[in-house]
Amino acid sequence: MEHLAELARIELSEEEKVDLLRDMKGILEYVKVIDSVDVGNVDAKYELRNVFREDVLEPRDFSLELIKEQFPDSQDGFLKVKKIL
């Protein structure tokens, strides 16, 4: 437990170490129970497959005038934005 705390860069009191060690033992016992379950006769209801789509280039109509029309505020051909400090 001390090694894990050192790797995680956390400080643990002796009481916390004992509590975590007890919790860790319980978790490992539960993993053993799950590992002992026979899943050989279980029918898979889901087909495991990757779902990807092809990248398709879709041309779009972008122009300076179109952008200026959609922008909320402009002046002398420039787009105006709020001052950021």
PDB file of N, CA and C in Angstrom:
ATOM      1  N   MET A   1       0.827  -1.181   0.000  1.00  0.00           N
ATOM      2  CA  MET A   1       0.000   0.000   0.000  1.00  0.00           C
ATOM      3  C   MET A   1       0.875   1.250   0.000  1.00  0.00           C
ATOM      4  N   GLU A   2       1.979   1.179   0.731  1.00  0.00           N
ATOM      5  CA  GLU A   2       2.896   2.330   0.763  1.00  0.00           C
ATOM      6  C   GLU A   2       3.488   2.596  -0.622  1.00  0.00           C
ATOM      7  N   HIS A   3       3.789   1.531  -1.344  1.00  0.00           N
ATOM      8  CA  HIS A   3       4.347   1.696  -2.688  1.00  0.00           C
ATOM      9  C   HIS A   3       3.313   2.345  -3.617  1.00  0.00           C
ATOM     10  N   LEU A   4       2.059   1.905  -3.528  1.00  0.00           N
ATOM     11  CA  LEU A   4       1.010   2.506  -4.357  1.00  0.00           C
ATOM     12  C   LEU A   4       0.805   3.977  -4.007  1.00  0.00           C
ATOM     13  N   ALA A   5       0.835   4.291  -2.734  1.00  0.00           N
ATOM     14  CA  ALA A   5       0.682   5.691  -2.308  1.00  0.00           C
ATOM     15  C   ALA A   5       1.842   6.533  -2.829  1.00  0.00           C
ATOM     16  N   GLU A   6       3.030   5.951  -2.824  1.00  0.00           N
ATOM     17  CA  GLU A   6       4.192   6.679  -3.335  1.00  0.00           C
ATOM     18  C   GLU A   6       4.068   6.916  -4.839  1.00  0.00           C
ATOM     19  N   LEU A   7       3.604   5.887  -5.565  1.00  0.00           N
ATOM     20  CA  LEU A   7       3.416   6.041  -7.008  1.00  0.00           C
ATOM     21  C   LEU A   7       2.344   7.091  -7.323  1.00  0.00           C
ATOM     22  N   ALA A   8       1.296   7.126  -6.503  1.00  0.00           N
ATOM     23  CA  ALA A   8       0.218   8.090  -6.709  1.00  0.00           C
ATOM     24  C   ALA A   8       0.562   9.458  -6.132  1.00  0.00           C
ATOM     25  N   ARG A   9       1.677   9.518  -5.443  1.00  0.00           N
ATOM     26  CA  ARG A   9       2.140  10.767  -4.813  1.00  0.00           C
ATOM     27  C   ARG A   9       1.093  11.335  -3.854  1.00  0.00           C
ATOM     28  N   ILE A  10       0.597  10.441  -2.997  1.00  0.00           N
ATOM     29  CA  ILE A  10      -0.340  10.881  -1.959  1.00  0.00           C
ATOM     30  C   ILE A  10       0.198  10.445  -0.605  1.00  0.00           C
ATOM     31  N   GLU A  11      -0.123  11.221   0.389  1.00  0.00           N
ATOM     32  CA  GLU A  11       0.276  10.876   1.751  1.00  0.00           C
ATOM     33  C   GLU A  11      -0.907  10.212   2.443  1.00  0.00           C
ATOM     34  N   LEU A  12      -0.631   9.091   3.095  1.00  0.00           N
ATOM     35  CA  LEU A  12      -1.668   8.354   3.799  1.00  0.00           C
ATOM     36  C   LEU A  12      -1.261   8.161   5.251  1.00  0.00           C
ATOM     37  N   SER A  13      -2.238   8.321   6.123  1.00  0.00           N
ATOM     38  CA  SER A  13      -1.991   8.002   7.531  1.00  0.00           C
ATOM     39  C   SER A  13      -2.020   6.487   7.678  1.00  0.00           C
ATOM     40  N   GLU A  14      -1.566   5.999   8.831  1.00  0.00           N
ATOM     41  CA  GLU A  14      -1.571   4.548   9.073  1.00  0.00           C
ATOM     42  C   GLU A  14      -2.996   4.005   9.015  1.00  0.00           C
ATOM     43  N   GLU A  15      -3.952   4.764   9.539  1.00  0.00           N
ATOM     44  CA  GLU A  15      -5.353   4.331   9.526  1.00  0.00           C
ATOM     45  C   GLU A  15      -5.874   4.242   8.092  1.00  0.00           C
ATOM     46  N   GLU A  16      -5.517   5.209   7.256  1.00  0.00           N
ATOM     47  CA  GLU A  16      -5.950   5.194   5.854  1.00  0.00           C
ATOM     48  C   GLU A  16      -5.331   4.021   5.111  1.00  0.00           C
ATOM     49  N   LYS A  17      -4.075   3.699   5.430  1.00  0.00           N
ATOM     50  CA  LYS A  17      -3.418   2.557   4.792  1.00  0.00           C
ATOM     51  C   LYS A  17      -4.140   1.259   5.140  1.00  0.00           C
ATOM     52  N   VAL A  18      -4.506   1.109   6.393  1.00  0.00           N
ATOM     53  CA  VAL A  18      -5.210  -0.105   6.826  1.00  0.00           C
ATOM     54  C   VAL A  18      -6.570  -0.188   6.143  1.00  0.00           C
ATOM     55  N   ASP A  19      -7.302   0.928   6.100  1.00  0.00           N
ATOM     56  CA  ASP A  19      -8.621   0.948   5.458  1.00  0.00           C
ATOM     57  C   ASP A  19      -8.518   0.616   3.975  1.00  0.00           C
ATOM     58  N   LEU A  20      -7.549   1.223   3.291  1.00  0.00           N
ATOM     59  CA  LEU A  20      -7.390   0.965   1.860  1.00  0.00           C
ATOM     60  C   LEU A  20      -6.956  -0.467   1.577  1.00  0.00           C
ATOM     61  N   LEU A  21      -6.112  -1.004   2.434  1.00  0.00           N
ATOM     62  CA  LEU A  21      -5.684  -2.383   2.264  1.00  0.00           C
ATOM     63  C   LEU A  21      -6.869  -3.337   2.430  1.00  0.00           C
ATOM     64  N   ARG A  22      -7.738  -3.068   3.401  1.00  0.00           N
ATOM     65  CA  ARG A  22      -8.934  -3.882   3.605  1.00  0.00           C
ATOM     66  C   ARG A  22      -9.857  -3.774   2.382  1.00  0.00           C
ATOM     67  N   ASP A  23     -10.033  -2.554   1.862  1.00  0.00           N
ATOM     68  CA  ASP A  23     -10.862  -2.357   0.673  1.00  0.00           C
ATOM     69  C   ASP A  23     -10.265  -3.083  -0.530  1.00  0.00           C
ATOM     70  N   MET A  24      -8.947  -3.014  -0.675  1.00  0.00           N
ATOM     71  CA  MET A  24      -8.267  -3.662  -1.796  1.00  0.00           C
ATOM     72  C   MET A  24      -8.449  -5.174  -1.730  1.00  0.00           C
ATOM     73  N   LYS A  25      -8.361  -5.741  -0.534  1.00  0.00           N
ATOM     74  CA  LYS A  25      -8.572  -7.187  -0.390  1.00  0.00           C
ATOM     75  C   LYS A  25      -9.981  -7.569  -0.804  1.00  0.00           C
ATOM     76  N   GLY A  26     -10.968  -6.763  -0.415  1.00  0.00           N
ATOM     77  CA  GLY A  26     -12.352  -7.031  -0.795  1.00  0.00           C
ATOM     78  C   GLY A  26     -12.548  -6.953  -2.304  1.00  0.00           C
ATOM     79  N   ILE A  27     -11.929  -5.985  -2.926  1.00  0.00           N
ATOM     80  CA  ILE A  27     -12.031  -5.838  -4.380  1.00  0.00           C
ATOM     81  C   ILE A  27     -11.413  -7.046  -5.079  1.00  0.00           C
ATOM     82  N   LEU A  28     -10.235  -7.478  -4.615  1.00  0.00           N
ATOM     83  CA  LEU A  28      -9.575  -8.623  -5.239  1.00  0.00           C
ATOM     84  C   LEU A  28     -10.376  -9.907  -5.047  1.00  0.00           C
ATOM     85  N   GLU A  29     -11.027 -10.072  -3.907  1.00  0.00           N
ATOM     86  CA  GLU A  29     -11.879 -11.242  -3.678  1.00  0.00           C
ATOM     87  C   GLU A  29     -13.064 -11.221  -4.644  1.00  0.00           C
ATOM     88  N   TYR A  30     -13.639 -10.045  -4.877  1.00  0.00           N
ATOM     89  CA  TYR A  30     -14.766  -9.922  -5.800  1.00  0.00           C
ATOM     90  C   TYR A  30     -14.325 -10.226  -7.230  1.00  0.00           C
ATOM     91  N   VAL A  31     -13.136  -9.800  -7.601  1.00  0.00           N
ATOM     92  CA  VAL A  31     -12.608 -10.099  -8.937  1.00  0.00           C
ATOM     93  C   VAL A  31     -12.448 -11.610  -9.097  1.00  0.00           C
ATOM     94  N   LYS A  32     -12.018 -12.293  -8.058  1.00  0.00           N
ATOM     95  CA  LYS A  32     -11.899 -13.761  -8.117  1.00  0.00           C
ATOM     96  C   LYS A  32     -13.262 -14.396  -8.345  1.00  0.00           C
ATOM     97  N   VAL A  33     -14.296 -13.874  -7.695  1.00  0.00           N
ATOM     98  CA  VAL A  33     -15.649 -14.407  -7.869  1.00  0.00           C
ATOM     99  C   VAL A  33     -16.102 -14.212  -9.313  1.00  0.00           C
ATOM    100  N   ILE A  34     -15.897 -13.032  -9.844  1.00  0.00           N
ATOM    101  CA  ILE A  34     -16.299 -12.743 -11.221  1.00  0.00           C
ATOM    102  C   ILE A  34     -15.508 -13.607 -12.191  1.00  0.00           C
ATOM    103  N   ASP A  35     -14.225 -13.795 -11.919  1.00  0.00           N
ATOM    104  CA  ASP A  35     -13.367 -14.583 -12.796  1.00  0.00           C
ATOM    105  C   ASP A  35     -13.795 -16.049 -12.823  1.00  0.00           C
ATOM    106  N   SER A  36     -14.416 -16.544 -11.756  1.00  0.00           N
ATOM    107  CA  SER A  36     -14.805 -17.948 -11.685  1.00  0.00           C
ATOM    108  C   SER A  36     -16.129 -18.227 -12.394  1.00  0.00           C
ATOM    109  N   VAL A  37     -16.837 -17.216 -12.856  1.00  0.00           N
ATOM    110  CA  VAL A  37     -18.112 -17.414 -13.541  1.00  0.00           C
ATOM    111  C   VAL A  37     -17.859 -17.973 -14.936  1.00  0.00           C
ATOM    112  N   ASP A  38     -18.582 -19.052 -15.281  1.00  0.00           N
ATOM    113  CA  ASP A  38     -18.436 -19.679 -16.586  1.00  0.00           C
ATOM    114  C   ASP A  38     -19.353 -18.962 -17.584  1.00  0.00           C
ATOM    115  N   VAL A  39     -18.757 -18.304 -18.566  1.00  0.00           N
ATOM    116  CA  VAL A  39     -19.531 -17.586 -19.576  1.00  0.00           C
ATOM    117  C   VAL A  39     -19.441 -18.272 -20.940  1.00  0.00           C
ATOM    118  N   GLY A  40     -18.983 -19.519 -20.946  1.00  0.00           N
ATOM    119  CA  GLY A  40     -18.811 -20.247 -22.199  1.00  0.00           C
ATOM    120  C   GLY A  40     -20.111 -20.531 -22.918  1.00  0.00           C
ATOM    121  N   ASN A  41     -21.199 -20.721 -22.185  1.00  0.00           N
ATOM    122  CA  ASN A  41     -22.477 -21.073 -22.797  1.00  0.00           C
ATOM    123  C   ASN A  41     -23.386 -19.870 -23.014  1.00  0.00           C
ATOM    124  N   VAL A  42     -22.874 -18.681 -22.827  1.00  0.00           N
ATOM    125  CA  VAL A  42     -23.695 -17.480 -22.979  1.00  0.00           C
ATOM    126  C   VAL A  42     -23.690 -17.058 -24.439  1.00  0.00           C
ATOM    127  N   ASP A  43     -24.893 -16.871 -24.996  1.00  0.00           N
ATOM    128  CA  ASP A  43     -24.992 -16.413 -26.380  1.00  0.00           C
ATOM    129  C   ASP A  43     -24.723 -14.920 -26.442  1.00  0.00           C
ATOM    130  N   ALA A  44     -23.889 -14.546 -27.393  1.00  0.00           N
ATOM    131  CA  ALA A  44     -23.603 -13.123 -27.577  1.00  0.00           C
ATOM    132  C   ALA A  44     -24.783 -12.470 -28.277  1.00  0.00           C
ATOM    133  N   LYS A  45     -25.305 -11.413 -27.680  1.00  0.00           N
ATOM    134  CA  LYS A  45     -26.438 -10.719 -28.280  1.00  0.00           C
ATOM    135  C   LYS A  45     -25.987  -9.539 -29.115  1.00  0.00           C
ATOM    136  N   TYR A  46     -24.726  -9.208 -29.017  1.00  0.00           N
ATOM    137  CA  TYR A  46     -24.216  -8.049 -29.731  1.00  0.00           C
ATOM    138  C   TYR A  46     -23.094  -8.473 -30.652  1.00  0.00           C
ATOM    139  N   GLU A  47     -23.137  -7.945 -31.844  1.00  0.00           N
ATOM    140  CA  GLU A  47     -22.074  -8.219 -32.792  1.00  0.00           C
ATOM    141  C   GLU A  47     -20.992  -7.163 -32.601  1.00  0.00           C
ATOM    142  N   LEU A  48     -19.792  -7.616 -32.316  1.00  0.00           N
ATOM    143  CA  LEU A  48     -18.696  -6.692 -32.119  1.00  0.00           C
ATOM    144  C   LEU A  48     -18.124  -6.303 -33.473  1.00  0.00           C
ATOM    145  N   ARG A  49     -18.245  -5.032 -33.796  1.00  0.00           N
ATOM    146  CA  ARG A  49     -17.709  -4.545 -35.059  1.00  0.00           C
ATOM    147  C   ARG A  49     -17.421  -3.057 -34.924  1.00  0.00           C
ATOM    148  N   ASN A  50     -16.503  -2.592 -35.716  1.00  0.00           N
ATOM    149  CA  ASN A  50     -16.201  -1.166 -35.746  1.00  0.00           C
ATOM    150  C   ASN A  50     -17.226  -0.453 -36.614  1.00  0.00           C
ATOM    151  N   VAL A  51     -17.624   0.706 -36.154  1.00  0.00           N
ATOM    152  CA  VAL A  51     -18.588   1.493 -36.919  1.00  0.00           C
ATOM    153  C   VAL A  51     -17.885   2.768 -37.355  1.00  0.00           C
ATOM    154  N   PHE A  52     -17.388   2.746 -38.575  1.00  0.00           N
ATOM    155  CA  PHE A  52     -16.698   3.900 -39.126  1.00  0.00           C
ATOM    156  C   PHE A  52     -17.420   4.331 -40.383  1.00  0.00           C
ATOM    157  N   ARG A  53     -17.316   5.571 -40.696  1.00  0.00           N
ATOM    158  CA  ARG A  53     -17.852   6.061 -41.956  1.00  0.00           C
ATOM    159  C   ARG A  53     -16.696   6.546 -42.800  1.00  0.00           C
ATOM    160  N   GLU A  54     -16.894   6.544 -44.065  1.00  0.00           N
ATOM    161  CA  GLU A  54     -15.880   7.036 -44.977  1.00  0.00           C
ATOM    162  C   GLU A  54     -15.829   8.556 -44.894  1.00  0.00           C
ATOM    163  N   ASP A  55     -14.636   9.109 -44.944  1.00  0.00           N
ATOM    164  CA  ASP A  55     -14.493  10.555 -44.999  1.00  0.00           C
ATOM    165  C   ASP A  55     -14.816  11.009 -46.412  1.00  0.00           C
ATOM    166  N   VAL A  56     -15.794  11.880 -46.508  1.00  0.00           N
ATOM    167  CA  VAL A  56     -16.209  12.376 -47.809  1.00  0.00           C
ATOM    168  C   VAL A  56     -16.008  13.886 -47.824  1.00  0.00           C
ATOM    169  N   LEU A  57     -15.310  14.356 -48.821  1.00  0.00           N
ATOM    170  CA  LEU A  57     -15.081  15.778 -48.957  1.00  0.00           C
ATOM    171  C   LEU A  57     -16.336  16.424 -49.531  1.00  0.00           C
ATOM    172  N   GLU A  58     -16.895  17.347 -48.759  1.00  0.00           N
ATOM    173  CA  GLU A  58     -18.090  18.049 -49.207  1.00  0.00           C
ATOM    174  C   GLU A  58     -17.727  19.504 -49.452  1.00  0.00           C
ATOM    175  N   PRO A  59     -17.775  19.941 -50.700  1.00  0.00           N
ATOM    176  CA  PRO A  59     -17.425  21.330 -50.975  1.00  0.00           C
ATOM    177  C   PRO A  59     -18.436  22.285 -50.342  1.00  0.00           C
ATOM    178  N   ARG A  60     -17.935  23.363 -49.800  1.00  0.00           N
ATOM    179  CA  ARG A  60     -18.793  24.363 -49.174  1.00  0.00           C
ATOM    180  C   ARG A  60     -18.492  25.723 -49.769  1.00  0.00           C
ATOM    181  N   ASP A  61     -19.499  26.553 -49.761  1.00  0.00           N
ATOM    182  CA  ASP A  61     -19.366  27.873 -50.349  1.00  0.00           C
ATOM    183  C   ASP A  61     -18.985  28.868 -49.259  1.00  0.00           C
ATOM    184  N   PHE A  62     -17.693  29.175 -49.166  1.00  0.00           N
ATOM    185  CA  PHE A  62     -17.224  30.180 -48.231  1.00  0.00           C
ATOM    186  C   PHE A  62     -16.658  31.347 -49.023  1.00  0.00           C
ATOM    187  N   SER A  63     -17.075  32.504 -48.650  1.00  0.00           N
ATOM    188  CA  SER A  63     -16.514  33.697 -49.266  1.00  0.00           C
ATOM    189  C   SER A  63     -16.454  34.774 -48.194  1.00  0.00           C
ATOM    190  N   LEU A  64     -15.628  35.758 -48.412  1.00  0.00           N
ATOM    191  CA  LEU A  64     -15.497  36.849 -47.459  1.00  0.00           C
ATOM    192  C   LEU A  64     -16.834  37.565 -47.268  1.00  0.00           C
ATOM    193  N   GLU A  65     -17.561  37.760 -48.344  1.00  0.00           N
ATOM    194  CA  GLU A  65     -18.849  38.453 -48.254  1.00  0.00           C
ATOM    195  C   GLU A  65     -19.864  37.643 -47.454  1.00  0.00           C
ATOM    196  N   LEU A  66     -19.882  36.333 -47.664  1.00  0.00           N
ATOM    197  CA  LEU A  66     -20.797  35.469 -46.924  1.00  0.00           C
ATOM    198  C   LEU A  66     -20.499  35.518 -45.428  1.00  0.00           C
ATOM    199  N   ILE A  67     -19.224  35.496 -45.073  1.00  0.00           N
ATOM    200  CA  ILE A  67     -18.838  35.557 -43.664  1.00  0.00           C
ATOM    201  C   ILE A  67     -19.217  36.911 -43.068  1.00  0.00           C
ATOM    202  N   LYS A  68     -18.966  37.992 -43.799  1.00  0.00           N
ATOM    203  CA  LYS A  68     -19.319  39.328 -43.303  1.00  0.00           C
ATOM    204  C   LYS A  68     -20.814  39.468 -43.078  1.00  0.00           C
ATOM    205  N   GLU A  69     -21.613  38.868 -43.970  1.00  0.00           N
ATOM    206  CA  GLU A  69     -23.066  38.929 -43.827  1.00  0.00           C
ATOM    207  C   GLU A  69     -23.525  38.231 -42.553  1.00  0.00           C
ATOM    208  N   GLN A  70     -22.864  37.157 -42.173  1.00  0.00           N
ATOM    209  CA  GLN A  70     -23.284  36.369 -41.017  1.00  0.00           C
ATOM    210  C   GLN A  70     -22.700  36.879 -39.708  1.00  0.00           C
ATOM    211  N   PHE A  71     -21.675  37.720 -39.769  1.00  0.00           N
ATOM    212  CA  PHE A  71     -21.027  38.219 -38.560  1.00  0.00           C
ATOM    213  C   PHE A  71     -21.858  39.342 -37.966  1.00  0.00           C
ATOM    214  N   PRO A  72     -21.993  39.408 -36.638  1.00  0.00           N
ATOM    215  CA  PRO A  72     -22.882  40.404 -36.033  1.00  0.00           C
ATOM    216  C   PRO A  72     -22.448  41.856 -36.216  1.00  0.00           C
ATOM    217  N   ASP A  73     -21.136  42.136 -36.296  1.00  0.00           N
ATOM    218  CA  ASP A  73     -20.713  43.530 -36.371  1.00  0.00           C
ATOM    219  C   ASP A  73     -19.452  43.654 -37.220  1.00  0.00           C
ATOM    220  N   SER A  74     -19.444  44.602 -38.135  1.00  0.00           N
ATOM    221  CA  SER A  74     -18.254  44.856 -38.949  1.00  0.00           C
ATOM    222  C   SER A  74     -18.152  46.354 -39.219  1.00  0.00           C
ATOM    223  N   GLN A  75     -16.942  46.781 -39.566  1.00  0.00           N
ATOM    224  CA  GLN A  75     -16.709  48.196 -39.840  1.00  0.00           C
ATOM    225  C   GLN A  75     -15.544  48.315 -40.815  1.00  0.00           C
ATOM    226  N   ASP A  76     -15.733  49.062 -41.868  1.00  0.00           N
ATOM    227  CA  ASP A  76     -14.704  49.305 -42.885  1.00  0.00           C
ATOM    228  C   ASP A  76     -14.088  48.012 -43.422  1.00  0.00           C
ATOM    229  N   GLY A  77     -14.910  46.993 -43.600  1.00  0.00           N
ATOM    230  CA  GLY A  77     -14.430  45.731 -44.153  1.00  0.00           C
ATOM    231  C   GLY A  77     -13.786  44.798 -43.149  1.00  0.00           C
ATOM    232  N   PHE A  78     -13.767  45.195 -41.861  1.00  0.00           N
ATOM    233  CA  PHE A  78     -13.191  44.357 -40.813  1.00  0.00           C
ATOM    234  C   PHE A  78     -14.293  43.834 -39.908  1.00  0.00           C
ATOM    235  N   LEU A  79     -14.081  42.657 -39.359  1.00  0.00           N
ATOM    236  CA  LEU A  79     -15.028  42.087 -38.398  1.00  0.00           C
ATOM    237  C   LEU A  79     -14.691  42.605 -37.014  1.00  0.00           C
ATOM    238  N   LYS A  80     -15.693  43.139 -36.325  1.00  0.00           N
ATOM    239  CA  LYS A  80     -15.460  43.701 -34.995  1.00  0.00           C
ATOM    240  C   LYS A  80     -15.780  42.676 -33.918  1.00  0.00           C
ATOM    241  N   VAL A  81     -14.867  42.568 -32.972  1.00  0.00           N
ATOM    242  CA  VAL A  81     -15.048  41.674 -31.827  1.00  0.00           C
ATOM    243  C   VAL A  81     -14.837  42.455 -30.559  1.00  0.00           C
ATOM    244  N   LYS A  82     -15.286  41.910 -29.444  1.00  0.00           N
ATOM    245  CA  LYS A  82     -15.080  42.566 -28.155  1.00  0.00           C
ATOM    246  C   LYS A  82     -13.610  42.544 -27.786  1.00  0.00           C
ATOM    247  N   LYS A  83     -13.196  43.570 -27.094  1.00  0.00           N
ATOM    248  CA  LYS A  83     -11.812  43.694 -26.643  1.00  0.00           C
ATOM    249  C   LYS A  83     -11.541  42.643 -25.571  1.00  0.00           C
ATOM    250  N   ILE A  84     -10.434  41.939 -25.692  1.00  0.00           N
ATOM    251  CA  ILE A  84     -10.052  40.917 -24.725  1.00  0.00           C
ATOM    252  C   ILE A  84      -8.698  41.286 -24.144  1.00  0.00           C
ATOM    253  N   LEU A  85      -8.626  41.369 -22.835  1.00  0.00           N
ATOM    254  CA  LEU A  85      -7.354  41.699 -22.185  1.00  0.00           C
ATOM    255  C   LEU A  85      -6.810  40.520 -21.456  1.00  0.00           C
TER     256      LEU A  85
END
